[in-house]
């Protein structure tokens, strides 16, 4: 559906701690990328770097990028790792009645204020 998404950051090292923790929980690792970070996959990539125009990075109000998780445990790890690595919770892990199929998800903001989430399919009650 997309080739990549680009998040601006004002602090690469804070961003690296957060994005390595959250993307690692979903099974992705950073690859070399000039002036920032890139987390490639077979269907696209997440880039985290300084804005190309040289201005300060700001978060977009109303924008959320959702990542696919394979299990409830991955969603939990995504959220826990993100908070531990300097992010803030925007919604603890749990079932989301307003999502298609009442999926299991969690929301975070990265250190620059960007909002992300991870969702796993609802496969029944959480043990």
Protein backbone atom coordinates (compact mmCIF):
# COMPACT_ATOMS: atom_id res chain seq x y z
CA UNK A 1 0.00 0.00 0.00
CA UNK A 2 2.89 2.39 0.65
CA UNK A 3 6.57 2.59 -0.26
CA UNK A 4 7.60 4.32 2.94
CA UNK A 5 6.57 6.65 5.70
CA UNK A 6 8.91 9.35 7.00
CA UNK A 7 8.85 10.67 10.56
CA UNK A 8 10.89 13.75 11.37
CA UNK A 9 12.98 13.84 14.52
CA UNK A 10 14.92 16.51 16.38
CA UNK A 11 17.10 14.00 18.26
CA UNK A 12 18.35 10.93 16.38
CA UNK A 13 19.61 9.13 19.49
CA UNK A 14 16.34 9.50 21.42
CA UNK A 15 14.50 8.43 18.29
CA UNK A 16 16.82 5.43 17.84
CA UNK A 17 16.14 4.17 21.38
CA UNK A 18 12.36 4.44 20.89
CA UNK A 19 12.14 3.12 17.32
CA UNK A 20 14.61 0.25 17.90
CA UNK A 21 12.52 -0.81 20.92
CA UNK A 22 9.11 -0.61 19.24
CA UNK A 23 10.05 -1.90 15.80
CA UNK A 24 12.18 -4.64 17.37
CA UNK A 25 9.10 -5.85 19.25
CA UNK A 26 7.40 -6.29 15.86
CA UNK A 27 10.39 -8.09 14.33
CA UNK A 28 12.07 -5.25 12.38
CA UNK A 29 15.63 -3.98 12.68
CA UNK A 30 17.23 -0.72 11.54
CA UNK A 31 19.42 -0.72 8.45
CA UNK A 32 22.09 1.86 7.53
CA UNK A 33 20.56 5.12 6.33
CA UNK A 34 22.20 8.56 5.92
CA UNK A 35 21.17 11.11 8.57
CA UNK A 36 18.69 8.88 10.35
CA UNK A 37 17.15 5.43 10.67
CA UNK A 38 15.33 3.11 8.30
CA UNK A 39 13.34 -0.01 9.16
CA UNK A 40 12.76 -1.90 5.90
CA UNK A 41 10.26 -4.66 5.20
CA UNK A 42 9.07 -6.52 2.13
CA UNK A 43 6.12 -4.13 1.78
CA UNK A 44 7.64 -0.74 2.66
CA UNK A 45 9.87 1.09 5.09
CA UNK A 46 9.71 3.42 8.06
CA UNK A 47 12.25 6.25 7.92
CA UNK A 48 13.06 8.38 10.96
CA UNK A 49 15.38 11.31 10.20
CA UNK A 50 15.85 15.05 10.41
CA UNK A 51 13.42 16.94 8.14
CA UNK A 52 14.87 17.47 4.66
CA UNK A 53 14.07 21.20 4.75
CA UNK A 54 16.29 21.75 7.81
CA UNK A 55 13.39 23.02 9.96
CA UNK A 56 12.42 21.49 13.30
CA UNK A 57 10.37 18.31 13.26
CA UNK A 58 6.80 18.59 14.52
CA UNK A 59 4.10 15.94 14.90
CA UNK A 60 0.96 15.98 12.79
CA UNK A 61 -2.26 16.38 14.76
CA UNK A 62 -4.68 13.63 13.76
CA UNK A 63 -2.06 11.47 12.08
CA UNK A 64 -1.51 7.92 13.34
CA UNK A 65 0.49 5.20 11.64
CA UNK A 66 -0.62 1.66 12.48
CA UNK A 67 1.72 -1.34 12.42
CA UNK A 68 0.62 -4.95 12.05
CA UNK A 69 1.47 -7.23 14.97
CA UNK A 70 1.27 -11.00 14.83
CA UNK A 71 0.09 -11.55 18.41
CA UNK A 72 -1.20 -9.95 21.57
CA UNK A 73 2.27 -10.46 23.05
CA UNK A 74 3.85 -8.40 20.25
CA UNK A 75 1.38 -5.57 20.92
CA UNK A 76 2.21 -5.70 24.63
CA UNK A 77 5.97 -5.67 23.94
CA UNK A 78 5.58 -2.82 21.41
CA UNK A 79 3.82 -0.69 24.05
CA UNK A 80 6.03 -1.65 27.00
CA UNK A 81 9.27 -1.21 25.00
CA UNK A 82 8.11 2.14 23.64
CA UNK A 83 7.28 3.59 27.05
CA UNK A 84 10.55 2.25 28.49
CA UNK A 85 12.48 3.85 25.60
CA UNK A 86 11.14 7.37 26.08
CA UNK A 87 7.74 7.28 24.41
CA UNK A 88 4.41 8.06 26.05
CA UNK A 89 1.31 5.91 26.17
CA UNK A 90 -1.68 7.07 24.16
CA UNK A 91 -3.67 3.92 24.93
CA UNK A 92 -2.60 0.82 26.83
CA UNK A 93 -2.85 -2.58 25.16
CA UNK A 94 -6.35 -3.94 24.92
CA UNK A 95 -9.24 -4.83 22.66
CA UNK A 96 -10.55 -1.92 20.59
CA UNK A 97 -14.34 -2.17 20.11
CA UNK A 98 -14.28 0.54 17.43
CA UNK A 99 -11.74 -1.33 15.29
CA UNK A 100 -12.79 -3.84 12.64
CA UNK A 101 -13.16 -7.18 14.42
CA UNK A 102 -12.47 -5.74 17.90
CA UNK A 103 -8.71 -6.08 17.32
CA UNK A 104 -6.11 -5.96 20.10
CA UNK A 105 -4.03 -2.78 19.94
CA UNK A 106 -1.95 -0.16 21.73
CA UNK A 107 -0.99 3.46 21.01
CA UNK A 108 2.21 5.44 21.64
CA UNK A 109 3.79 8.79 20.92
CA UNK A 110 7.47 8.79 20.05
CA UNK A 111 9.85 11.33 21.68
CA UNK A 112 8.99 13.84 18.92
CA UNK A 113 5.22 13.48 19.44
CA UNK A 114 4.41 11.25 16.45
CA UNK A 115 1.50 8.90 17.14
CA UNK A 116 1.82 5.22 16.24
CA UNK A 117 -0.04 2.06 17.11
CA UNK A 118 0.22 -1.70 16.71
CA UNK A 119 -2.74 -4.03 16.18
CA UNK A 120 -3.07 -7.80 16.20
CA UNK A 121 -6.09 -9.73 14.94
CA UNK A 122 -8.63 -10.77 17.56
CA UNK A 123 -8.14 -14.52 18.00
CA UNK A 124 -10.17 -14.77 21.19
CA UNK A 125 -9.74 -13.82 24.84
CA UNK A 126 -6.32 -12.84 26.08
CA UNK A 127 -4.93 -15.44 28.48
